[in-house]
Amino acid sequence: MNNPDWENAAKYILDQEKKMNFCNFPKSTKAIIRWKGNIYIGSIQKIVPNFSTDIVLLSKSTHIIPEELVSEIKKLDKERLELIADESLDLYGRQHVLRLVEKRLVYMTHEQTKYILENPPKICEV
C-alpha cells in the first residue's frame, strides 16, 4: 500500500484556499484548530469589528485532519494561526460564531451574544 503524498495534498489544499479567499468578506485568516484532541483546518473572520474584535466566525473542516497533513501545511504556510478551542464548545458542523481570546476559541460573553442576536452580521463565504 502506498503512503499518502502529504506534501502534494497540502499544496492542493493551500491552492484551493488561495483561490477561494478573495470571495470571503470580511477577510479571513487561515487557521489550524485543535479541539477535543483532534485537528481541523479552517479560517476565522472578524465579523463585527466595530463592536468587538473578539467575535469571530470560525469556518472549519468537518473532518479531522491527519497530523502528517497538518505538518506539511505548517511547513508551507508559516503564517497560519494555531488555535485551541475550549473542549466545552460544540464545534460539530462547519461554521460557528465564537470569541477569540489570544489563541483560544471560547464562548462569547452574554453581552456579545445579545449583540449578535440583535445585529446579525452579513457574511459572504464561498
Protein backbone atom coordinates (compact mmCIF):
# COMPACT_ATOMS: atom_id res chain seq x y z
CA MET A 1 0.00 0.00 0.00
CA ASN A 2 1.31 3.44 -0.92
CA ASN A 3 1.79 6.15 1.67
CA PRO A 4 -0.21 9.32 1.03
CA ASP A 5 1.68 12.20 -0.58
CA TRP A 6 1.08 14.64 2.27
CA GLU A 7 3.18 17.43 0.70
CA ASN A 8 1.18 17.48 -2.53
CA ALA A 9 -2.08 17.18 -0.60
CA ALA A 10 -1.08 20.22 1.47
CA LYS A 11 -0.13 22.17 -1.67
CA TYR A 12 -3.50 21.34 -3.21
CA ILE A 13 -5.41 22.47 -0.09
CA LEU A 14 -3.46 25.72 0.15
CA ASP A 15 -4.01 26.40 -3.55
CA GLN A 16 -7.76 25.86 -3.19
CA GLU A 17 -7.86 28.14 -0.14
CA LYS A 18 -5.98 30.85 -2.01
CA LYS A 19 -8.38 30.67 -4.96
CA MET A 20 -11.41 30.99 -2.70
CA ASN A 21 -10.05 33.52 -0.19
CA PHE A 22 -10.86 36.53 -2.36
CA CYS A 23 -14.54 35.59 -2.07
CA ASN A 24 -14.55 35.92 1.72
CA PHE A 25 -15.93 39.07 3.27
CA PRO A 26 -14.84 40.08 5.81
CA LYS A 27 -11.28 38.96 5.08
CA SER A 28 -10.40 35.59 6.56
CA THR A 29 -7.31 34.42 8.41
CA LYS A 30 -6.31 30.79 7.90
CA ALA A 31 -6.01 28.59 10.96
CA ILE A 32 -5.32 25.18 12.40
CA ILE A 33 -7.86 24.35 15.08
CA ARG A 34 -7.29 21.87 17.90
CA TRP A 35 -10.44 20.66 19.63
CA LYS A 36 -11.03 17.62 21.83
CA GLY A 37 -7.73 16.03 20.83
CA ASN A 38 -8.42 16.39 17.09
CA ILE A 39 -7.11 18.78 14.46
CA TYR A 40 -9.11 20.68 11.84
CA ILE A 41 -8.20 23.34 9.28
CA GLY A 42 -10.21 26.42 8.56
CA SER A 43 -10.31 30.17 8.98
CA ILE A 44 -11.61 32.92 11.19
CA GLN A 45 -13.24 36.20 10.22
CA LYS A 46 -13.75 39.22 12.48
CA ILE A 47 -17.41 39.78 11.74
CA VAL A 48 -18.33 42.77 13.94
CA PRO A 49 -15.07 44.72 14.46
CA ASN A 50 -16.90 47.96 15.25
CA PHE A 51 -18.49 46.29 18.28
CA SER A 52 -15.90 43.70 19.32
CA THR A 53 -12.76 42.43 17.64
CA ASP A 54 -13.05 39.30 19.82
CA ILE A 55 -16.10 37.97 17.94
CA VAL A 56 -15.13 35.71 15.05
CA LEU A 57 -16.78 33.40 12.61
CA LEU A 58 -14.96 30.08 12.62
CA SER A 59 -15.26 28.11 9.38
CA LYS A 60 -13.62 24.73 9.77
CA SER A 61 -13.31 21.39 8.07
CA THR A 62 -15.91 18.85 9.10
CA HIS A 63 -13.36 16.04 9.01
CA ILE A 64 -10.39 15.51 11.29
CA ILE A 65 -7.10 16.28 9.55
CA PRO A 66 -4.23 13.79 9.91
CA GLU A 67 -1.18 15.07 11.80
CA GLU A 68 1.05 14.35 8.78
CA LEU A 69 -1.05 16.65 6.59
CA VAL A 70 -1.10 19.37 9.27
CA SER A 71 2.71 19.19 9.48
CA GLU A 72 3.01 19.75 5.73
CA ILE A 73 0.51 22.62 5.80
CA LYS A 74 2.51 24.28 8.59
CA LYS A 75 5.74 23.91 6.59
CA LEU A 76 4.17 25.59 3.57
CA ASP A 77 2.09 28.21 5.41
CA LYS A 78 4.17 29.53 8.28
CA GLU A 79 1.74 32.42 8.91
CA ARG A 80 -1.24 30.15 9.68
CA LEU A 81 -2.71 30.67 13.14
CA GLU A 82 -2.82 27.77 15.57
CA LEU A 83 -5.91 27.97 17.74
CA ILE A 84 -7.14 25.86 20.63
CA ALA A 85 -10.90 25.56 21.07
CA ASP A 86 -12.38 25.13 24.51
CA GLU A 87 -13.45 21.50 24.91
CA SER A 88 -16.87 22.53 26.22
CA LEU A 89 -17.74 24.10 22.85
CA ASP A 90 -19.91 22.21 20.37
CA LEU A 91 -17.90 22.53 17.16
CA TYR A 92 -19.62 19.77 15.22
CA GLY A 93 -20.55 21.25 11.88
CA ARG A 94 -18.74 23.79 9.79
CA GLN A 95 -19.45 27.36 10.96
CA HIS A 96 -19.55 28.82 14.46
CA VAL A 97 -19.67 32.32 15.95
CA LEU A 98 -17.24 32.41 18.86
CA ARG A 99 -14.99 34.60 20.94
CA LEU A 100 -11.25 34.65 20.27
CA VAL A 101 -9.12 35.32 23.35
CA GLU A 102 -5.46 35.33 22.37
CA LYS A 103 -5.23 31.93 20.64
CA ARG A 104 -8.22 30.32 22.35
CA LEU A 105 -11.72 29.94 20.95
CA VAL A 106 -14.31 30.23 23.73
CA TYR A 107 -17.96 31.10 24.28
CA MET A 108 -18.99 34.70 23.68
CA THR A 109 -19.93 36.84 26.66
CA HIS A 110 -23.61 37.44 27.39
CA GLU A 111 -23.26 40.99 26.01
CA GLN A 112 -21.62 39.74 22.80
CA THR A 113 -24.27 37.05 22.30
CA LYS A 114 -27.03 39.61 22.76
CA TYR A 115 -25.40 41.95 20.25
CA ILE A 116 -25.08 39.21 17.60
CA LEU A 117 -28.70 38.17 18.08
CA GLU A 118 -29.89 41.77 17.71
CA ASN A 119 -27.46 42.67 14.88
CA PRO A 120 -26.85 39.62 12.69
CA PRO A 121 -23.71 40.25 10.61
CA LYS A 122 -23.57 39.93 6.84
CA ILE A 123 -21.05 37.28 5.86
CA CYS A 124 -20.02 36.11 2.42
CA GLU A 125 -18.04 32.91 2.11
CA VAL A 126 -17.74 30.63 -0.86
